[in-house]
Amino acid sequence: MKLQILFSYLDPGTGSIIVQSIVGVVAGVGLFGRRIFINSVTKARNLFKKNKKD
């Protein structure tokens, strides 16, 4: 069985969709990670915060 080299063509529209998908995934992961980090920091601060009673 011979291996054949396949040449494929990606038009500019397909390349644009691929790039847009990658940028969207990176942005989504960044925002999700930021939200998790901020929530964790807030919970840690509340856990170690001194209660002030007047």
PDB file of N, CA and C in Angstrom:
ATOM      1  N   MET A   1       0.844  -1.160   0.000  1.00  0.00           N
ATOM      2  CA  MET A   1       0.000   0.000   0.000  1.00  0.00           C
ATOM      3  C   MET A   1       0.898   1.234   0.000  1.00  0.00           C
ATOM      4  N   LYS A   2       0.661   2.122  -0.946  1.00  0.00           N
ATOM      5  CA  LYS A   2       1.454   3.343  -1.048  1.00  0.00           C
ATOM      6  C   LYS A   2       0.816   4.469  -0.242  1.00  0.00           C
ATOM      7  N   LEU A   3       1.664   5.267   0.352  1.00  0.00           N
ATOM      8  CA  LEU A   3       1.184   6.468   1.020  1.00  0.00           C
ATOM      9  C   LEU A   3       1.162   7.603   0.016  1.00  0.00           C
ATOM     10  N   GLN A   4       0.068   8.286  -0.047  1.00  0.00           N
ATOM     11  CA  GLN A   4      -0.043   9.403  -0.977  1.00  0.00           C
ATOM     12  C   GLN A   4       0.000  10.707  -0.196  1.00  0.00           C
ATOM     13  N   ILE A   5       0.631  11.678  -0.782  1.00  0.00           N
ATOM     14  CA  ILE A   5       0.655  13.011  -0.199  1.00  0.00           C
ATOM     15  C   ILE A   5      -0.606  13.726  -0.652  1.00  0.00           C
ATOM     16  N   LEU A   6      -1.363  14.206   0.300  1.00  0.00           N
ATOM     17  CA  LEU A   6      -2.604  14.895  -0.021  1.00  0.00           C
ATOM     18  C   LEU A   6      -2.389  16.395   0.124  1.00  0.00           C
ATOM     19  N   PHE A   7      -2.774  17.131  -0.869  1.00  0.00           N
ATOM     20  CA  PHE A   7      -2.717  18.581  -0.830  1.00  0.00           C
ATOM     21  C   PHE A   7      -4.134  19.093  -0.620  1.00  0.00           C
ATOM     22  N   SER A   8      -4.314  19.891   0.396  1.00  0.00           N
ATOM     23  CA  SER A   8      -5.641  20.438   0.641  1.00  0.00           C
ATOM     24  C   SER A   8      -5.575  21.955   0.564  1.00  0.00           C
ATOM     25  N   TYR A   9      -6.729  22.537   0.365  1.00  0.00           N
ATOM     26  CA  TYR A   9      -6.816  23.976   0.195  1.00  0.00           C
ATOM     27  C   TYR A   9      -7.730  24.536   1.267  1.00  0.00           C
ATOM     28  N   LEU A  10      -7.243  25.531   1.981  1.00  0.00           N
ATOM     29  CA  LEU A  10      -8.071  26.256   2.939  1.00  0.00           C
ATOM     30  C   LEU A  10      -8.274  27.666   2.408  1.00  0.00           C
ATOM     31  N   ASP A  11      -9.511  28.008   2.150  1.00  0.00           N
ATOM     32  CA  ASP A  11      -9.769  29.352   1.651  1.00  0.00           C
ATOM     33  C   ASP A  11      -9.672  30.359   2.802  1.00  0.00           C
ATOM     34  N   PRO A  12      -9.587  31.644   2.497  1.00  0.00           N
ATOM     35  CA  PRO A  12      -9.435  32.660   3.544  1.00  0.00           C
ATOM     36  C   PRO A  12     -10.573  32.656   4.571  1.00  0.00           C
ATOM     37  N   GLY A  13     -11.773  32.322   4.143  1.00  0.00           N
ATOM     38  CA  GLY A  13     -12.900  32.277   5.079  1.00  0.00           C
ATOM     39  C   GLY A  13     -12.713  31.212   6.144  1.00  0.00           C
ATOM     40  N   THR A  14     -12.229  30.053   5.743  1.00  0.00           N
ATOM     41  CA  THR A  14     -11.985  28.971   6.695  1.00  0.00           C
ATOM     42  C   THR A  14     -10.856  29.338   7.654  1.00  0.00           C
ATOM     43  N   GLY A  15      -9.805  29.927   7.133  1.00  0.00           N
ATOM     44  CA  GLY A  15      -8.701  30.365   7.993  1.00  0.00           C
ATOM     45  C   GLY A  15      -9.152  31.401   8.998  1.00  0.00           C
ATOM     46  N   SER A  16     -10.025  32.304   8.564  1.00  0.00           N
ATOM     47  CA  SER A  16     -10.544  33.335   9.454  1.00  0.00           C
ATOM     48  C   SER A  16     -11.369  32.723  10.583  1.00  0.00           C
ATOM     49  N   ILE A  17     -12.181  31.735  10.257  1.00  0.00           N
ATOM     50  CA  ILE A  17     -12.992  31.071  11.283  1.00  0.00           C
ATOM     51  C   ILE A  17     -12.100  30.345  12.285  1.00  0.00           C
ATOM     52  N   ILE A  18     -11.049  29.708  11.807  1.00  0.00           N
ATOM     53  CA  ILE A  18     -10.133  28.989  12.700  1.00  0.00           C
ATOM     54  C   ILE A  18      -9.433  29.967  13.640  1.00  0.00           C
ATOM     55  N   VAL A  19      -8.937  31.075  13.104  1.00  0.00           N
ATOM     56  CA  VAL A  19      -8.258  32.083  13.935  1.00  0.00           C
ATOM     57  C   VAL A  19      -9.232  32.681  14.939  1.00  0.00           C
ATOM     58  N   GLN A  20     -10.457  32.992  14.503  1.00  0.00           N
ATOM     59  CA  GLN A  20     -11.459  33.571  15.390  1.00  0.00           C
ATOM     60  C   GLN A  20     -11.821  32.594  16.508  1.00  0.00           C
ATOM     61  N   SER A  21     -11.900  31.322  16.199  1.00  0.00           N
ATOM     62  CA  SER A  21     -12.202  30.313  17.217  1.00  0.00           C
ATOM     63  C   SER A  21     -11.092  30.224  18.253  1.00  0.00           C
ATOM     64  N   ILE A  22      -9.859  30.245  17.797  1.00  0.00           N
ATOM     65  CA  ILE A  22      -8.720  30.178  18.719  1.00  0.00           C
ATOM     66  C   ILE A  22      -8.696  31.402  19.630  1.00  0.00           C
ATOM     67  N   VAL A  23      -8.909  32.589  19.064  1.00  0.00           N
ATOM     68  CA  VAL A  23      -8.926  33.819  19.865  1.00  0.00           C
ATOM     69  C   VAL A  23     -10.072  33.775  20.875  1.00  0.00           C
ATOM     70  N   GLY A  24     -11.231  33.294  20.468  1.00  0.00           N
ATOM     71  CA  GLY A  24     -12.375  33.193  21.370  1.00  0.00           C
ATOM     72  C   GLY A  24     -12.132  32.239  22.523  1.00  0.00           C
ATOM     73  N   VAL A  25     -11.519  31.113  22.234  1.00  0.00           N
ATOM     74  CA  VAL A  25     -11.218  30.135  23.289  1.00  0.00           C
ATOM     75  C   VAL A  25     -10.206  30.710  24.275  1.00  0.00           C
ATOM     76  N   VAL A  26      -9.176  31.366  23.772  1.00  0.00           N
ATOM     77  CA  VAL A  26      -8.162  31.962  24.656  1.00  0.00           C
ATOM     78  C   VAL A  26      -8.790  33.043  25.533  1.00  0.00           C
ATOM     79  N   ALA A  27      -9.638  33.892  24.954  1.00  0.00           N
ATOM     80  CA  ALA A  27     -10.298  34.947  25.729  1.00  0.00           C
ATOM     81  C   ALA A  27     -11.239  34.350  26.773  1.00  0.00           C
ATOM     82  N   GLY A  28     -11.979  33.334  26.399  1.00  0.00           N
ATOM     83  CA  GLY A  28     -12.899  32.695  27.335  1.00  0.00           C
ATOM     84  C   GLY A  28     -12.185  32.043  28.502  1.00  0.00           C
ATOM     85  N   VAL A  29     -11.106  31.350  28.221  1.00  0.00           N
ATOM     86  CA  VAL A  29     -10.323  30.712  29.286  1.00  0.00           C
ATOM     87  C   VAL A  29      -9.720  31.778  30.197  1.00  0.00           C
ATOM     88  N   GLY A  30      -9.251  32.877  29.614  1.00  0.00           N
ATOM     89  CA  GLY A  30      -8.680  33.957  30.417  1.00  0.00           C
ATOM     90  C   GLY A  30      -9.697  34.589  31.350  1.00  0.00           C
ATOM     91  N   LEU A  31     -10.894  34.865  30.838  1.00  0.00           N
ATOM     92  CA  LEU A  31     -11.929  35.474  31.673  1.00  0.00           C
ATOM     93  C   LEU A  31     -12.420  34.511  32.750  1.00  0.00           C
ATOM     94  N   PHE A  32     -12.565  33.249  32.393  1.00  0.00           N
ATOM     95  CA  PHE A  32     -12.985  32.251  33.375  1.00  0.00           C
ATOM     96  C   PHE A  32     -11.934  32.110  34.476  1.00  0.00           C
ATOM     97  N   GLY A  33     -10.667  32.056  34.097  1.00  0.00           N
ATOM     98  CA  GLY A  33      -9.592  31.952  35.080  1.00  0.00           C
ATOM     99  C   GLY A  33      -9.520  33.167  35.982  1.00  0.00           C
ATOM    100  N   ARG A  34      -9.753  34.334  35.407  1.00  0.00           N
ATOM    101  CA  ARG A  34      -9.741  35.569  36.200  1.00  0.00           C
ATOM    102  C   ARG A  34     -10.869  35.548  37.227  1.00  0.00           C
ATOM    103  N   ARG A  35     -12.051  35.097  36.805  1.00  0.00           N
ATOM    104  CA  ARG A  35     -13.189  35.035  37.720  1.00  0.00           C
ATOM    105  C   ARG A  35     -12.919  34.069  38.868  1.00  0.00           C
ATOM    106  N   ILE A  36     -12.369  32.917  38.559  1.00  0.00           N
ATOM    107  CA  ILE A  36     -12.052  31.933  39.596  1.00  0.00           C
ATOM    108  C   ILE A  36     -11.005  32.498  40.557  1.00  0.00           C
ATOM    109  N   PHE A  37      -9.982  33.175  40.020  1.00  0.00           N
ATOM    110  CA  PHE A  37      -8.927  33.754  40.857  1.00  0.00           C
ATOM    111  C   PHE A  37      -9.496  34.825  41.783  1.00  0.00           C
ATOM    112  N   ILE A  38     -10.325  35.725  41.251  1.00  0.00           N
ATOM    113  CA  ILE A  38     -10.885  36.807  42.069  1.00  0.00           C
ATOM    114  C   ILE A  38     -11.798  36.241  43.151  1.00  0.00           C
ATOM    115  N   ASN A  39     -12.614  35.238  42.798  1.00  0.00           N
ATOM    116  CA  ASN A  39     -13.477  34.620  43.807  1.00  0.00           C
ATOM    117  C   ASN A  39     -12.659  33.941  44.898  1.00  0.00           C
ATOM    118  N   SER A  40     -11.573  33.298  44.535  1.00  0.00           N
ATOM    119  CA  SER A  40     -10.723  32.628  45.519  1.00  0.00           C
ATOM    120  C   SER A  40     -10.071  33.635  46.453  1.00  0.00           C
ATOM    121  N   VAL A  41      -9.585  34.729  45.903  1.00  0.00           N
ATOM    122  CA  VAL A  41      -8.949  35.763  46.723  1.00  0.00           C
ATOM    123  C   VAL A  41      -9.971  36.389  47.664  1.00  0.00           C
ATOM    124  N   THR A  42     -11.174  36.653  47.172  1.00  0.00           N
ATOM    125  CA  THR A  42     -12.218  37.244  48.006  1.00  0.00           C
ATOM    126  C   THR A  42     -12.599  36.305  49.149  1.00  0.00           C
ATOM    127  N   LYS A  43     -12.743  35.029  48.866  1.00  0.00           N
ATOM    128  CA  LYS A  43     -13.078  34.066  49.917  1.00  0.00           C
ATOM    129  C   LYS A  43     -11.953  33.949  50.936  1.00  0.00           C
ATOM    130  N   ALA A  44     -10.710  33.991  50.486  1.00  0.00           N
ATOM    131  CA  ALA A  44      -9.577  33.922  51.408  1.00  0.00           C
ATOM    132  C   ALA A  44      -9.533  35.158  52.296  1.00  0.00           C
ATOM    133  N   ARG A  45      -9.796  36.315  51.725  1.00  0.00           N
ATOM    134  CA  ARG A  45      -9.810  37.545  52.535  1.00  0.00           C
ATOM    135  C   ARG A  45     -10.920  37.490  53.569  1.00  0.00           C
ATOM    136  N   ASN A  46     -12.100  37.034  53.162  1.00  0.00           N
ATOM    137  CA  ASN A  46     -13.213  36.946  54.107  1.00  0.00           C
ATOM    138  C   ASN A  46     -12.944  35.918  55.196  1.00  0.00           C
ATOM    139  N   LEU A  47     -12.222  34.874  54.884  1.00  0.00           N
ATOM    140  CA  LEU A  47     -11.913  33.839  55.858  1.00  0.00           C
ATOM    141  C   LEU A  47     -10.970  34.363  56.937  1.00  0.00           C
ATOM    142  N   PHE A  48     -10.000  35.169  56.541  1.00  0.00           N
ATOM    143  CA  PHE A  48      -8.997  35.657  57.480  1.00  0.00           C
ATOM    144  C   PHE A  48      -9.267  37.078  57.976  1.00  0.00           C
ATOM    145  N   LYS A  49     -10.412  37.641  57.620  1.00  0.00           N
ATOM    146  CA  LYS A  49     -10.742  39.005  58.021  1.00  0.00           C
ATOM    147  C   LYS A  49     -11.151  39.029  59.494  1.00  0.00           C
ATOM    148  N   LYS A  50     -10.682  40.039  60.199  1.00  0.00           N
ATOM    149  CA  LYS A  50     -11.055  40.196  61.598  1.00  0.00           C
ATOM    150  C   LYS A  50     -12.433  40.842  61.660  1.00  0.00           C
ATOM    151  N   ASN A  51     -13.249  40.336  62.542  1.00  0.00           N
ATOM    152  CA  ASN A  51     -14.579  40.912  62.728  1.00  0.00           C
ATOM    153  C   ASN A  51     -14.481  42.106  63.662  1.00  0.00           C
ATOM    154  N   LYS A  52     -15.005  43.234  63.213  1.00  0.00           N
ATOM    155  CA  LYS A  52     -15.007  44.440  64.038  1.00  0.00           C
ATOM    156  C   LYS A  52     -16.386  44.571  64.678  1.00  0.00           C
ATOM    157  N   LYS A  53     -16.404  44.563  65.989  1.00  0.00           N
ATOM    158  CA  LYS A  53     -17.667  44.742  66.704  1.00  0.00           C
ATOM    159  C   LYS A  53     -17.603  46.062  67.447  1.00  0.00           C
ATOM    160  N   ASP A  54     -18.580  46.913  67.155  1.00  0.00           N
ATOM    161  CA  ASP A  54     -18.612  48.235  67.799  1.00  0.00           C
ATOM    162  C   ASP A  54     -19.477  48.213  69.032  1.00  0.00           C
TER     163      ASP A  54
END
